[in-house]
Amino acid sequence: MVAASDTEEAMRVAAGLTIFGHKVGFLFTEAVDVTVRFQECAELLDLADVDQVCSAVPFEGCDVVSAKQISQMIADCDFSLII
């Protein structure tokens, strides 16, 4: 799952995909403000056991990955959703 414009919706969708047994990774493409609402959505990712949560840009509490790592993540997945 790639969060490009609606970060909170992307987190909800990613958590929902795990219900059907899908292995899900999550990538933020832009820095986000860590608000209470954001934290609630982020908890969904944790509760749903989303495997990898990372970011293309640095922000509080998230691992940053390089462009090379991002391209490898995309190449290794069966499909990707961009929200």
N, C-alpha and C. Protein backbone atom coordinates (compact mmCIF):
# COMPACT_ATOMS: atom_id res chain seq x y z
N MET A 1 0.85 -1.16 0.00
CA MET A 1 0.00 0.00 0.00
C MET A 1 0.89 1.22 0.00
N VAL A 2 0.58 2.15 -0.88
CA VAL A 2 1.32 3.41 -0.95
C VAL A 2 0.36 4.54 -0.58
N ALA A 3 0.70 5.30 0.44
CA ALA A 3 -0.10 6.45 0.85
C ALA A 3 0.43 7.67 0.13
N ALA A 4 -0.30 8.12 -0.89
CA ALA A 4 0.16 9.26 -1.68
C ALA A 4 -0.59 10.54 -1.38
N SER A 5 -1.90 10.44 -1.12
CA SER A 5 -2.66 11.67 -0.90
C SER A 5 -3.57 11.61 0.32
N ASP A 6 -4.18 10.47 0.58
CA ASP A 6 -5.09 10.34 1.73
C ASP A 6 -4.51 9.30 2.69
N THR A 7 -3.60 9.74 3.51
CA THR A 7 -2.83 8.85 4.38
C THR A 7 -3.72 8.03 5.31
N GLU A 8 -4.68 8.67 5.95
CA GLU A 8 -5.52 7.96 6.91
C GLU A 8 -6.37 6.90 6.22
N GLU A 9 -6.91 7.19 5.07
CA GLU A 9 -7.70 6.20 4.32
C GLU A 9 -6.81 5.05 3.88
N ALA A 10 -5.61 5.36 3.43
CA ALA A 10 -4.68 4.31 3.02
C ALA A 10 -4.36 3.37 4.18
N MET A 11 -4.19 3.91 5.38
CA MET A 11 -3.92 3.06 6.54
C MET A 11 -5.11 2.16 6.84
N ARG A 12 -6.31 2.69 6.73
CA ARG A 12 -7.51 1.86 6.99
C ARG A 12 -7.64 0.75 5.95
N VAL A 13 -7.39 1.06 4.69
CA VAL A 13 -7.48 0.05 3.64
C VAL A 13 -6.41 -1.03 3.84
N ALA A 14 -5.19 -0.62 4.16
CA ALA A 14 -4.11 -1.59 4.39
C ALA A 14 -4.47 -2.54 5.52
N ALA A 15 -4.99 -2.02 6.60
CA ALA A 15 -5.40 -2.87 7.73
C ALA A 15 -6.50 -3.83 7.29
N GLY A 16 -7.42 -3.35 6.50
CA GLY A 16 -8.52 -4.19 6.03
C GLY A 16 -8.04 -5.32 5.13
N LEU A 17 -7.02 -5.09 4.34
CA LEU A 17 -6.51 -6.13 3.45
C LEU A 17 -5.96 -7.32 4.21
N THR A 18 -5.49 -7.11 5.42
CA THR A 18 -4.93 -8.22 6.19
C THR A 18 -6.01 -9.18 6.68
N ILE A 19 -7.25 -8.73 6.71
CA ILE A 19 -8.35 -9.60 7.16
C ILE A 19 -8.45 -10.84 6.29
N PHE A 20 -8.14 -10.70 5.02
CA PHE A 20 -8.24 -11.81 4.08
C PHE A 20 -6.93 -12.58 3.94
N GLY A 21 -5.99 -12.36 4.85
CA GLY A 21 -4.75 -13.10 4.86
C GLY A 21 -3.66 -12.55 3.95
N HIS A 22 -3.86 -11.37 3.41
CA HIS A 22 -2.83 -10.77 2.55
C HIS A 22 -1.67 -10.26 3.40
N LYS A 23 -0.47 -10.45 2.92
CA LYS A 23 0.71 -9.86 3.54
C LYS A 23 0.81 -8.44 3.00
N VAL A 24 0.82 -7.46 3.88
CA VAL A 24 0.74 -6.06 3.48
C VAL A 24 1.94 -5.27 4.00
N GLY A 25 2.52 -4.47 3.13
CA GLY A 25 3.54 -3.50 3.49
C GLY A 25 2.96 -2.11 3.26
N PHE A 26 3.52 -1.11 3.89
CA PHE A 26 2.95 0.24 3.81
C PHE A 26 4.05 1.26 3.62
N LEU A 27 3.86 2.17 2.66
CA LEU A 27 4.84 3.20 2.36
C LEU A 27 4.19 4.58 2.35
N PHE A 28 4.70 5.47 3.18
CA PHE A 28 4.29 6.87 3.14
C PHE A 28 5.16 7.56 2.10
N THR A 29 4.55 8.38 1.24
CA THR A 29 5.34 9.07 0.22
C THR A 29 5.60 10.53 0.58
N GLU A 30 4.98 10.99 1.66
CA GLU A 30 5.21 12.36 2.09
C GLU A 30 5.17 12.41 3.61
N ALA A 31 5.81 13.42 4.17
CA ALA A 31 5.79 13.59 5.63
C ALA A 31 4.37 13.90 6.07
N VAL A 32 4.01 13.42 7.23
CA VAL A 32 2.67 13.67 7.75
C VAL A 32 2.77 14.25 9.16
N ASP A 33 1.73 14.96 9.54
CA ASP A 33 1.64 15.44 10.91
C ASP A 33 1.10 14.30 11.76
N VAL A 34 1.78 14.01 12.84
CA VAL A 34 1.35 12.93 13.72
C VAL A 34 0.33 13.49 14.70
N THR A 35 -0.92 13.45 14.28
CA THR A 35 -2.05 13.92 15.08
C THR A 35 -2.67 12.75 15.83
N VAL A 36 -3.62 13.04 16.67
CA VAL A 36 -4.35 11.98 17.38
C VAL A 36 -5.04 11.07 16.37
N ARG A 37 -5.67 11.65 15.37
CA ARG A 37 -6.36 10.86 14.33
C ARG A 37 -5.38 9.96 13.58
N PHE A 38 -4.22 10.52 13.24
CA PHE A 38 -3.19 9.73 12.56
C PHE A 38 -2.76 8.57 13.45
N GLN A 39 -2.55 8.81 14.73
CA GLN A 39 -2.13 7.77 15.65
C GLN A 39 -3.17 6.66 15.76
N GLU A 40 -4.44 7.02 15.73
CA GLU A 40 -5.50 6.01 15.77
C GLU A 40 -5.43 5.12 14.54
N CYS A 41 -5.23 5.72 13.38
CA CYS A 41 -5.12 4.94 12.14
C CYS A 41 -3.85 4.09 12.14
N ALA A 42 -2.76 4.64 12.67
CA ALA A 42 -1.50 3.90 12.74
C ALA A 42 -1.64 2.68 13.65
N GLU A 43 -2.43 2.80 14.70
CA GLU A 43 -2.68 1.66 15.58
C GLU A 43 -3.35 0.52 14.83
N LEU A 44 -4.19 0.85 13.85
CA LEU A 44 -4.82 -0.18 13.02
C LEU A 44 -3.76 -1.00 12.28
N LEU A 45 -2.73 -0.32 11.77
CA LEU A 45 -1.67 -1.04 11.07
C LEU A 45 -0.97 -2.01 12.02
N ASP A 46 -0.74 -1.57 13.23
CA ASP A 46 -0.10 -2.41 14.22
C ASP A 46 -0.98 -3.59 14.60
N LEU A 47 -2.25 -3.32 14.88
CA LEU A 47 -3.18 -4.39 15.26
C LEU A 47 -3.38 -5.40 14.14
N ALA A 48 -3.29 -4.94 12.90
CA ALA A 48 -3.50 -5.82 11.74
C ALA A 48 -2.22 -6.54 11.33
N ASP A 49 -1.14 -6.31 12.05
CA ASP A 49 0.15 -6.93 11.75
C ASP A 49 0.64 -6.62 10.34
N VAL A 50 0.52 -5.37 9.93
CA VAL A 50 1.09 -4.95 8.65
C VAL A 50 2.60 -5.10 8.79
N ASP A 51 3.20 -5.87 7.87
CA ASP A 51 4.59 -6.30 8.00
C ASP A 51 5.60 -5.17 8.05
N GLN A 52 5.56 -4.31 7.06
CA GLN A 52 6.58 -3.28 6.95
C GLN A 52 5.91 -1.93 6.79
N VAL A 53 6.24 -0.99 7.66
CA VAL A 53 5.74 0.38 7.55
C VAL A 53 6.97 1.27 7.45
N CYS A 54 7.06 2.00 6.33
CA CYS A 54 8.23 2.85 6.11
C CYS A 54 7.81 4.10 5.33
N SER A 55 8.79 4.97 5.12
CA SER A 55 8.49 6.25 4.48
C SER A 55 9.59 6.62 3.49
N ALA A 56 9.19 7.32 2.44
CA ALA A 56 10.15 7.84 1.47
C ALA A 56 10.80 9.12 1.99
N VAL A 57 10.16 9.76 2.95
CA VAL A 57 10.68 11.00 3.54
C VAL A 57 10.65 10.87 5.06
N PRO A 58 11.57 11.51 5.75
CA PRO A 58 11.60 11.36 7.21
C PRO A 58 10.44 12.07 7.91
N PHE A 59 9.87 11.38 8.87
CA PHE A 59 8.95 11.99 9.82
C PHE A 59 8.96 11.16 11.08
N GLU A 60 8.45 11.73 12.14
CA GLU A 60 8.51 11.14 13.47
C GLU A 60 8.05 9.69 13.52
N GLY A 61 8.93 8.83 14.03
CA GLY A 61 8.55 7.46 14.32
C GLY A 61 8.43 6.52 13.13
N CYS A 62 9.06 6.83 12.01
CA CYS A 62 8.93 5.96 10.85
C CYS A 62 10.29 5.78 10.18
N ASP A 63 10.61 4.54 9.81
CA ASP A 63 11.87 4.26 9.13
C ASP A 63 11.83 4.80 7.71
N VAL A 64 12.93 5.39 7.28
CA VAL A 64 13.05 5.93 5.92
C VAL A 64 13.74 4.90 5.03
N VAL A 65 13.22 4.74 3.82
CA VAL A 65 13.83 3.83 2.85
C VAL A 65 14.27 4.63 1.62
N SER A 66 15.26 4.10 0.94
CA SER A 66 15.80 4.75 -0.26
C SER A 66 14.94 4.44 -1.48
N ALA A 67 15.19 5.18 -2.53
CA ALA A 67 14.47 4.93 -3.79
C ALA A 67 14.74 3.51 -4.29
N LYS A 68 15.96 3.04 -4.11
CA LYS A 68 16.29 1.67 -4.52
C LYS A 68 15.48 0.65 -3.72
N GLN A 69 15.36 0.88 -2.41
CA GLN A 69 14.57 -0.02 -1.57
C GLN A 69 13.10 0.01 -1.97
N ILE A 70 12.60 1.19 -2.29
CA ILE A 70 11.20 1.32 -2.71
C ILE A 70 10.97 0.54 -4.00
N SER A 71 11.86 0.70 -4.96
CA SER A 71 11.68 -0.01 -6.22
C SER A 71 11.74 -1.52 -6.01
N GLN A 72 12.59 -1.98 -5.09
CA GLN A 72 12.66 -3.41 -4.80
C GLN A 72 11.38 -3.89 -4.13
N MET A 73 10.84 -3.10 -3.21
CA MET A 73 9.58 -3.46 -2.55
C MET A 73 8.47 -3.62 -3.58
N ILE A 74 8.39 -2.70 -4.51
CA ILE A 74 7.35 -2.76 -5.54
C ILE A 74 7.57 -3.95 -6.45
N ALA A 75 8.82 -4.21 -6.81
CA ALA A 75 9.12 -5.36 -7.68
C ALA A 75 8.78 -6.68 -7.00
N ASP A 76 8.93 -6.74 -5.68
CA ASP A 76 8.69 -7.99 -4.94
C ASP A 76 7.22 -8.26 -4.65
N CYS A 77 6.34 -7.28 -4.83
CA CYS A 77 4.94 -7.49 -4.46
C CYS A 77 4.11 -7.96 -5.65
N ASP A 78 3.01 -8.61 -5.34
CA ASP A 78 2.10 -9.09 -6.38
C ASP A 78 1.29 -7.96 -6.99
N PHE A 79 0.90 -7.00 -6.16
CA PHE A 79 0.19 -5.81 -6.64
C PHE A 79 0.39 -4.70 -5.64
N SER A 80 0.14 -3.47 -6.09
CA SER A 80 0.25 -2.33 -5.19
C SER A 80 -0.96 -1.42 -5.37
N LEU A 81 -1.37 -0.82 -4.28
CA LEU A 81 -2.46 0.15 -4.29
C LEU A 81 -1.89 1.49 -3.89
N ILE A 82 -2.29 2.51 -4.60
CA ILE A 82 -1.86 3.87 -4.28
C ILE A 82 -3.09 4.69 -3.95
N ILE A 83 -3.13 5.19 -2.74
CA ILE A 83 -4.27 6.01 -2.31
C ILE A 83 -3.76 7.36 -1.90
